[in-house]
Protein backbone atom coordinates (compact mmCIF):
# COMPACT_ATOMS: atom_id res chain seq x y z
CA UNK A 1 -56.89 15.70 7.26
CA UNK A 2 -54.83 16.86 4.29
CA UNK A 3 -51.10 16.43 4.85
CA UNK A 4 -48.32 18.75 3.75
CA UNK A 5 -46.67 16.36 1.33
CA UNK A 6 -46.35 18.62 -1.68
CA UNK A 7 -49.28 16.84 -3.33
CA UNK A 8 -52.26 19.18 -3.72
CA UNK A 9 -54.94 18.75 -1.07
CA UNK A 10 -57.73 18.16 -3.57
CA UNK A 11 -55.79 15.21 -5.03
CA UNK A 12 -55.20 13.77 -1.55
CA UNK A 13 -58.94 13.96 -0.87
CA UNK A 14 -59.76 12.43 -4.26
CA UNK A 15 -57.29 9.61 -3.52
CA UNK A 16 -58.89 8.96 -0.13
CA UNK A 17 -62.45 8.97 -1.49
CA UNK A 18 -61.38 6.75 -4.40
CA UNK A 19 -59.85 4.30 -1.89
CA UNK A 20 -63.13 4.29 0.07
CA UNK A 21 -65.06 3.59 -3.14
CA UNK A 22 -62.79 0.76 -4.32
CA UNK A 23 -62.54 -0.62 -0.77
CA UNK A 24 -66.32 -0.81 -0.43
CA UNK A 25 -66.74 1.72 2.40
CA UNK A 26 -68.68 3.86 -0.09
CA UNK A 27 -70.95 1.59 -2.11
CA UNK A 28 -72.57 2.15 -5.52
CA UNK A 29 -75.59 4.42 -5.21
CA UNK A 30 -74.48 5.74 -1.82
CA UNK A 31 -74.16 9.51 -1.55
CA UNK A 32 -70.88 11.11 -0.62
CA UNK A 33 -70.86 13.14 2.57
CA UNK A 34 -71.91 16.76 2.04
CA UNK A 35 -69.38 19.40 1.08
CA UNK A 36 -69.62 20.83 4.61
CA UNK A 37 -68.98 17.41 6.16
CA UNK A 38 -65.99 16.79 3.89
CA UNK A 39 -64.63 20.29 4.67
CA UNK A 40 -64.79 19.51 8.37
CA UNK A 41 -63.34 16.01 7.97
CA UNK A 42 -60.37 17.09 5.84
CA UNK A 43 -60.03 20.57 7.39
CA UNK A 44 -60.08 22.36 4.02
CA UNK A 45 -62.21 24.92 2.19
CA UNK A 46 -65.23 24.10 0.05
CA UNK A 47 -63.24 24.89 -3.10
CA UNK A 48 -60.72 22.15 -2.30
CA UNK A 49 -63.50 19.61 -1.70
CA UNK A 50 -65.27 20.61 -4.93
CA UNK A 51 -62.02 20.21 -6.88
CA UNK A 52 -61.57 16.70 -5.44
CA UNK A 53 -65.12 15.74 -6.40
CA UNK A 54 -64.53 17.16 -9.87
CA UNK A 55 -61.56 14.82 -10.29
CA UNK A 56 -63.73 11.84 -9.30
CA UNK A 57 -66.47 12.97 -11.71
CA UNK A 58 -63.96 13.22 -14.53
CA UNK A 59 -62.78 9.70 -13.74
CA UNK A 60 -66.38 8.45 -13.71
CA UNK A 61 -66.22 7.26 -10.09
CA UNK A 62 -69.08 9.50 -8.96
CA UNK A 63 -72.02 11.25 -10.54
CA UNK A 64 -73.74 14.43 -9.42
CA UNK A 65 -77.48 14.94 -9.36
CA UNK A 66 -78.55 18.57 -9.23
CA UNK A 67 -80.14 19.37 -5.88
CA UNK A 68 -79.67 15.83 -4.55
CA UNK A 69 -75.95 15.31 -4.10
CA UNK A 70 -73.03 13.33 -5.44
CA UNK A 71 -73.34 9.56 -5.60
CA UNK A 72 -70.94 6.67 -6.06
CA UNK A 73 -71.35 5.36 -9.56
CA UNK A 74 -71.85 1.65 -10.13
CA UNK A 75 -68.40 0.40 -11.11
CA UNK A 76 -69.90 -1.85 -13.79
CA UNK A 77 -71.07 1.39 -15.46
CA UNK A 78 -67.54 2.79 -15.44
CA UNK A 79 -66.06 -0.54 -16.57
CA UNK A 80 -68.37 -0.48 -19.58
CA UNK A 81 -66.87 2.80 -20.79
CA UNK A 82 -64.79 2.47 -23.92
CA UNK A 83 -61.09 2.50 -23.12
CA UNK A 84 -58.05 2.63 -25.32
CA UNK A 85 -55.99 -0.44 -26.10
CA UNK A 86 -53.24 0.75 -23.78
CA UNK A 87 -55.19 -0.17 -20.64
CA UNK A 88 -55.73 1.61 -17.31
CA UNK A 89 -52.67 3.82 -17.55
CA UNK A 90 -54.09 5.33 -20.72
CA UNK A 91 -57.25 6.29 -18.80
CA UNK A 92 -55.08 8.38 -16.48
CA UNK A 93 -53.43 9.88 -19.54
CA UNK A 94 -56.87 10.78 -20.92
CA UNK A 95 -57.76 12.57 -17.68
CA UNK A 96 -54.43 14.38 -17.70
CA UNK A 97 -54.88 15.42 -21.33
CA UNK A 98 -58.37 16.71 -20.63
CA UNK A 99 -57.13 18.73 -17.67
CA UNK A 100 -54.20 20.06 -19.71
CA UNK A 101 -56.55 21.11 -22.51
CA UNK A 102 -58.74 22.95 -20.00
CA UNK A 103 -55.71 24.72 -18.52
CA UNK A 104 -54.43 25.74 -21.95
CA UNK A 105 -57.85 27.11 -22.91
CA UNK A 106 -57.98 29.13 -19.69
CA UNK A 107 -54.47 30.52 -20.29
CA UNK A 108 -55.40 31.44 -23.87
CA UNK A 109 -58.56 33.18 -22.62
CA UNK A 110 -56.58 35.09 -19.99
CA UNK A 111 -54.04 36.17 -22.61
CA UNK A 112 -56.79 37.55 -24.81
CA UNK A 113 -58.35 39.40 -21.86
CA UNK A 114 -55.01 40.96 -20.90
CA UNK A 115 -54.44 42.04 -24.52
CA UNK A 116 -57.87 43.76 -24.59
CA UNK A 117 -57.10 45.56 -21.32
CA UNK A 118 -53.69 46.67 -22.61
CA UNK A 119 -55.26 48.02 -25.82
CA UNK A 120 -57.79 50.02 -23.81
CA UNK A 121 -55.18 51.39 -21.37
CA UNK A 122 -52.39 51.94 -23.93
CA UNK A 123 -54.12 52.86 -27.19
CA UNK A 124 -51.92 53.06 -30.28
CA UNK A 125 -51.18 56.62 -31.45
CA UNK A 126 -52.93 57.76 -34.63
CA UNK A 127 -51.07 56.86 -37.87
CA UNK A 128 -49.86 60.48 -38.44
CA UNK A 129 -48.11 60.56 -35.05
CA UNK A 130 -46.15 57.38 -35.62
CA UNK A 131 -42.45 57.96 -36.29
CA UNK A 132 -41.24 56.87 -39.73
CA UNK A 133 -44.66 56.93 -41.35
């Protein structure tokens, strides 16, 4: 169950699943429980579970196969990924930077959409009606 700690539920679930993967309860090649099973286990919505799995995908801990499920990735595959010279902490920084870039792109997109809506609702007056022109 997700606890009210101030830490988002999807990150708590990702932490728990990551612990199960590193602890060997979920082995390489093994499928994760279904979204419905995880929803019931953690008492959350499907969106929260999907966000947690997305975090693990971004980290390379799991891999999804369309129509088959999400599977624990062989850790030797993830260890073979190129990493920066700064070590494991830099990997977390890379994930954070990727998420930040995605958030900034979404905010930029929303800003453009709001501007289009404002232009359609509040059109500028014709040039002759503008004061001082």
